[in-house]
Amino acid sequence: MGSGAGNFLKVVLRNFDVLAGPVVSLVYPLYASIRAIETKSPVDDQQWLTYWIMYSMITLFELTFAKVLEWIPIWPYAKLILTCWLVLPYFNGAAYVYEHYVRPFFLNPQTINIWYVPRKKDHSGKPDDILTAAEKYIQENGTQEFENIINRADKSRSSGHKMYDESYGY
């Protein structure tokens, strides 16, 4: 009977990452999330909601790069360590990553542009940007009229009122 327990312990230790992964990443967080819902404190709700956001991002990463990750033998161990860091309240890793990386990305999306959108071209084949539009306006209406628009914009910006010109309809 002693050798059966010893063999069982060897199997458990050899497969620690396989067994600990689901316990650390799913079982404990599910239990803690249910407890957090039942308390009145928003702090633990935020901790576990943040964890589930991070867990979803890790899962998406794994699904996207599955073919690459299968060639990295330490990935299951690295993921286990990362998950422990995210889950354990002592480290508060999920809150750290969310506060320093995820939140700034979503609150200030114009700082990082991951989507390439080509510029429109007008009938002349030039890109439709602010400089081209200004050059075109100066050619059609003259330099003085362009300066008048800039002066009106500066005045409206400093007074806090929106610029309106009946002759242009805006």
Protein backbone atom coordinates (compact mmCIF):
# COMPACT_ATOMS: atom_id res chain seq x y z
CA MET A 1 0.00 0.00 0.00
CA GLY A 2 2.93 2.34 0.72
CA SER A 3 4.36 1.86 -2.77
CA GLY A 4 0.96 2.75 -4.32
CA ALA A 5 0.91 6.07 -2.47
CA GLY A 6 4.52 6.68 -3.47
CA ASN A 7 3.74 6.00 -7.12
CA PHE A 8 0.72 8.29 -6.95
CA LEU A 9 2.88 11.06 -5.45
CA LYS A 10 5.47 10.60 -8.23
CA VAL A 11 2.75 10.89 -10.89
CA VAL A 12 1.38 14.02 -9.23
CA LEU A 13 4.83 15.63 -9.04
CA ARG A 14 5.68 14.74 -12.65
CA ASN A 15 2.42 16.28 -13.84
CA PHE A 16 2.39 19.21 -11.43
CA ASP A 17 2.01 21.81 -14.19
CA VAL A 18 -0.88 19.90 -15.77
CA LEU A 19 -2.69 19.60 -12.43
CA ALA A 20 -1.78 22.96 -10.91
CA GLY A 21 -2.59 24.99 -14.03
CA PRO A 22 -6.36 24.48 -13.94
CA VAL A 23 -6.48 24.78 -10.14
CA VAL A 24 -4.55 28.07 -10.13
CA SER A 25 -6.08 29.58 -13.25
CA LEU A 26 -9.69 28.37 -12.97
CA VAL A 27 -10.76 26.62 -9.75
CA TYR A 28 -9.42 29.12 -7.21
CA PRO A 29 -10.39 32.22 -9.27
CA LEU A 30 -13.92 30.84 -9.75
CA TYR A 31 -14.26 30.27 -6.01
CA ALA A 32 -12.81 33.70 -5.17
CA SER A 33 -15.02 35.40 -7.78
CA ILE A 34 -18.16 33.87 -6.28
CA ARG A 35 -17.07 34.99 -2.82
CA ALA A 36 -16.34 38.48 -4.18
CA ILE A 37 -19.83 38.73 -5.67
CA GLU A 38 -21.32 37.86 -2.30
CA THR A 39 -19.43 40.58 -0.41
CA LYS A 40 -20.35 44.24 -0.49
CA SER A 41 -16.77 45.42 -1.11
CA PRO A 42 -16.03 46.60 -4.67
CA VAL A 43 -12.29 46.03 -4.17
CA ASP A 44 -12.44 42.24 -4.49
CA ASP A 45 -14.92 42.55 -7.37
CA GLN A 46 -12.40 44.69 -9.23
CA GLN A 47 -9.55 42.27 -8.44
CA TRP A 48 -11.37 39.29 -9.91
CA LEU A 49 -12.89 41.12 -12.85
CA THR A 50 -9.37 42.32 -13.66
CA TYR A 51 -8.08 38.76 -13.34
CA TRP A 52 -10.69 37.44 -15.78
CA ILE A 53 -9.75 40.15 -18.28
CA MET A 54 -6.10 39.11 -18.02
CA TYR A 55 -7.04 35.41 -18.22
CA SER A 56 -9.00 36.12 -21.42
CA MET A 57 -6.03 37.96 -22.90
CA ILE A 58 -3.68 35.08 -22.08
CA THR A 59 -6.12 32.62 -23.62
CA LEU A 60 -6.39 34.73 -26.79
CA PHE A 61 -2.59 34.92 -26.92
CA GLU A 62 -2.34 31.14 -26.59
CA LEU A 63 -4.95 30.52 -29.26
CA THR A 64 -3.28 32.96 -31.64
CA PHE A 65 0.25 31.67 -31.15
CA ALA A 66 -0.48 28.00 -30.43
CA LYS A 67 1.84 26.71 -33.17
CA VAL A 68 4.75 28.79 -31.86
CA LEU A 69 4.10 28.05 -28.19
CA GLU A 70 4.15 24.29 -28.71
CA TRP A 71 7.84 24.66 -29.65
CA ILE A 72 8.65 26.41 -26.36
CA PRO A 73 9.03 23.65 -23.74
CA ILE A 74 8.95 26.03 -20.75
CA TRP A 75 5.70 27.74 -21.80
CA PRO A 76 3.43 25.70 -19.46
CA TYR A 77 5.70 26.54 -16.51
CA ALA A 78 6.01 30.20 -17.50
CA LYS A 79 2.23 30.40 -17.84
CA LEU A 80 1.79 28.79 -14.40
CA ILE A 81 4.17 31.30 -12.81
CA LEU A 82 2.46 34.20 -14.61
CA THR A 83 -0.96 32.95 -13.54
CA CYS A 84 0.17 32.62 -9.91
CA TRP A 85 1.45 36.20 -10.07
CA LEU A 86 -1.89 37.36 -11.47
CA VAL A 87 -4.05 35.34 -9.04
CA LEU A 88 -2.35 35.58 -5.67
CA PRO A 89 -3.53 38.64 -3.72
CA TYR A 90 -0.05 39.02 -2.21
CA PHE A 91 1.37 40.03 -5.63
CA ASN A 92 -1.78 41.67 -7.07
CA GLY A 93 -0.36 41.13 -10.56
CA ALA A 94 -3.66 41.36 -12.43
CA ALA A 95 -4.32 44.82 -11.02
CA TYR A 96 -0.75 45.92 -11.85
CA VAL A 97 -0.90 44.79 -15.48
CA TYR A 98 -4.36 46.23 -15.95
CA GLU A 99 -3.47 49.58 -14.38
CA HIS A 100 -0.17 50.02 -16.22
CA TYR A 101 -0.87 48.49 -19.65
CA VAL A 102 -4.48 47.58 -20.44
CA ARG A 103 -6.26 50.63 -18.97
CA PRO A 104 -4.01 53.27 -20.64
CA PHE A 105 -4.44 51.49 -23.96
CA PHE A 106 -8.24 51.66 -23.78
CA LEU A 107 -8.49 55.11 -22.18
CA ASN A 108 -6.11 56.71 -24.67
CA PRO A 109 -6.45 54.67 -27.87
CA GLN A 110 -5.02 57.33 -30.19
CA THR A 111 -1.53 56.90 -28.73
CA ILE A 112 -1.17 53.43 -30.25
CA ASN A 113 -2.55 52.89 -33.72
CA ILE A 114 -2.53 49.20 -34.58
CA TRP A 115 -4.88 49.62 -37.54
CA TYR A 116 -3.45 50.99 -40.76
CA VAL A 117 -5.94 53.07 -42.71
CA PRO A 118 -4.62 54.37 -46.02
CA ARG A 119 -5.22 58.03 -46.80
CA LYS A 120 -7.87 59.00 -49.33
CA LYS A 121 -6.73 60.51 -52.59
CA ASP A 122 -8.56 63.30 -54.34
CA HIS A 123 -9.11 63.48 -58.11
CA SER A 124 -5.55 64.80 -58.65
CA GLY A 125 -4.02 61.71 -57.02
CA LYS A 126 -2.61 63.65 -54.04
CA PRO A 127 -3.24 62.40 -50.50
CA ASP A 128 -6.21 64.04 -48.80
CA ASP A 129 -4.49 65.57 -45.78
CA ILE A 130 -4.56 68.94 -44.04
CA LEU A 131 -1.66 70.43 -46.00
CA THR A 132 -3.12 69.47 -49.34
CA ALA A 133 -6.51 70.88 -48.30
CA ALA A 134 -4.87 74.16 -47.18
CA GLU A 135 -2.93 74.48 -50.44
CA LYS A 136 -6.08 73.85 -52.43
CA TYR A 137 -8.03 76.45 -50.41
CA ILE A 138 -5.29 79.06 -50.89
CA GLN A 139 -5.24 78.42 -54.65
CA GLU A 140 -9.02 78.82 -54.88
CA ASN A 141 -9.56 81.71 -52.41
CA GLY A 142 -6.22 83.44 -51.89
CA THR A 143 -3.79 83.80 -49.00
CA GLN A 144 -5.71 86.61 -47.29
CA GLU A 145 -8.92 84.56 -47.04
CA PHE A 146 -6.96 81.62 -45.59
CA GLU A 147 -5.44 83.93 -42.93
CA ASN A 148 -8.95 85.24 -42.13
CA ILE A 149 -10.14 81.67 -41.43
CA ILE A 150 -7.14 81.02 -39.17
CA ASN A 151 -7.78 84.28 -37.26
CA ARG A 152 -11.48 83.42 -36.80
CA ALA A 153 -10.52 79.94 -35.55
CA ASP A 154 -8.03 81.42 -33.06
CA LYS A 155 -10.61 83.91 -31.77
CA SER A 156 -13.31 81.24 -31.39
CA ARG A 157 -10.89 78.91 -29.63
CA SER A 158 -9.81 81.61 -27.15
CA SER A 159 -13.40 82.73 -26.49
CA GLY A 160 -14.65 79.17 -26.17
CA HIS A 161 -17.32 79.66 -28.84
CA LYS A 162 -17.76 77.58 -31.93
CA MET A 163 -16.84 79.30 -35.18
CA TYR A 164 -19.78 80.05 -37.46
CA ASP A 165 -19.73 81.78 -40.79
CA GLU A 166 -22.98 82.22 -42.70
CA SER A 167 -21.22 82.69 -46.03
CA TYR A 168 -19.73 79.21 -45.78
CA GLY A 169 -22.65 77.52 -44.04
CA TYR A 170 -20.67 76.20 -41.10
